[in-house]
Amino acid sequence: MAEKRKYKKRYCKYCESKVDFIDYKDTGTLKFSLSERYKIMPRRLTGNCKRHQDMITIAIKRSRAAALIPYTVTRKAVITNPFEGL
């Protein structure tokens, strides 16, 4: 029987810093939860708890509607870094 791989335990960085609310206008904190194509990264990769992951998804969706963060990017239309101007 194959051995089970041991992964490093990931901790929620928002629980450690005791964050109660994630603002949609703060794109600096939201960019750590986005992939290079600006898709929302899952909990298993970021290590967030369910409560903070739900807050992040709502904040990202609100900032996309307010045109602060772009929607998903195709390979043909590559954006270098939309966070530079902020």
Protein backbone atom coordinates (compact mmCIF):
# COMPACT_ATOMS: atom_id res chain seq x y z
CA MET A 1 0.00 0.00 0.00
CA ALA A 2 1.32 3.46 -0.88
CA GLU A 3 2.25 5.84 1.88
CA LYS A 4 0.08 8.84 2.45
CA ARG A 5 1.72 12.14 1.58
CA LYS A 6 2.17 14.55 4.42
CA TYR A 7 1.43 18.15 3.63
CA LYS A 8 2.23 21.21 5.66
CA LYS A 9 -0.71 22.41 7.74
CA ARG A 10 -1.96 25.71 6.37
CA TYR A 11 -3.34 28.33 8.72
CA CYS A 12 -5.76 31.13 7.99
CA LYS A 13 -3.76 34.36 7.99
CA TYR A 14 -6.93 36.37 8.59
CA CYS A 15 -7.74 34.42 11.76
CA GLU A 16 -4.20 34.94 13.04
CA SER A 17 -4.42 38.70 12.53
CA LYS A 18 -8.04 38.72 13.85
CA VAL A 19 -9.66 40.37 10.81
CA ASP A 20 -13.40 40.91 11.18
CA PHE A 21 -14.16 42.45 7.78
CA ILE A 22 -12.42 42.34 4.40
CA ASP A 23 -12.99 45.49 2.37
CA TYR A 24 -13.55 45.25 -1.37
CA LYS A 25 -11.63 48.50 -1.97
CA ASP A 26 -8.42 47.09 -0.49
CA THR A 27 -7.03 45.39 -3.59
CA GLY A 28 -3.64 44.83 -1.94
CA THR A 29 -5.01 42.13 0.34
CA LEU A 30 -7.32 40.67 -2.28
CA LYS A 31 -4.56 40.03 -4.82
CA PHE A 32 -3.09 37.26 -2.64
CA SER A 33 -6.29 35.26 -3.13
CA LEU A 34 -6.25 35.57 -6.94
CA SER A 35 -4.38 33.47 -9.47
CA GLU A 36 -2.35 34.88 -12.36
CA ARG A 37 -5.50 34.81 -14.50
CA TYR A 38 -7.44 36.61 -11.73
CA LYS A 39 -9.50 33.60 -10.71
CA ILE A 40 -10.38 33.10 -7.06
CA MET A 41 -8.02 30.55 -5.50
CA PRO A 42 -9.64 27.74 -3.47
CA ARG A 43 -9.34 27.24 0.27
CA ARG A 44 -7.06 24.24 -0.02
CA LEU A 45 -4.41 26.39 -1.73
CA THR A 46 -4.71 29.59 0.30
CA GLY A 47 -5.32 27.95 3.67
CA ASN A 48 -8.20 30.24 4.59
CA CYS A 49 -11.00 29.14 6.86
CA LYS A 50 -14.53 28.94 5.48
CA ARG A 51 -15.66 32.18 7.09
CA HIS A 52 -12.84 34.26 5.67
CA GLN A 53 -12.95 32.53 2.28
CA ASP A 54 -16.61 33.52 1.97
CA MET A 55 -15.71 37.10 2.89
CA ILE A 56 -12.93 37.12 0.30
CA THR A 57 -15.16 35.82 -2.48
CA ILE A 58 -17.81 38.45 -1.75
CA ALA A 59 -15.17 41.20 -1.66
CA ILE A 60 -13.59 40.06 -4.94
CA LYS A 61 -16.97 39.90 -6.66
CA ARG A 62 -17.84 43.38 -5.42
CA SER A 63 -14.51 44.82 -6.55
CA ARG A 64 -14.96 43.20 -9.97
CA ALA A 65 -18.37 44.85 -10.28
CA ALA A 66 -16.79 48.18 -9.32
CA ALA A 67 -14.03 47.63 -11.94
CA LEU A 68 -11.20 47.58 -9.38
CA ILE A 69 -10.14 44.02 -10.30
CA PRO A 70 -10.54 42.61 -13.83
CA TYR A 71 -12.60 39.54 -14.56
CA THR A 72 -10.78 36.42 -15.79
CA VAL A 73 -8.12 37.11 -18.40
CA THR A 74 -7.70 35.15 -21.62
CA ARG A 75 -4.31 34.18 -22.98
CA LYS A 76 -4.58 36.63 -25.86
CA ALA A 77 -5.38 39.72 -23.78
CA VAL A 78 -2.68 39.62 -21.12
CA ILE A 79 -2.68 42.38 -18.52
CA THR A 80 0.74 43.04 -17.01
CA ASN A 81 -0.26 44.29 -13.57
CA PRO A 82 -3.57 46.10 -12.91
CA PHE A 83 -2.57 46.72 -9.27
CA GLU A 84 0.29 49.11 -10.13
CA GLY A 85 -1.88 52.22 -10.52
CA LEU A 86 -3.54 51.78 -7.13
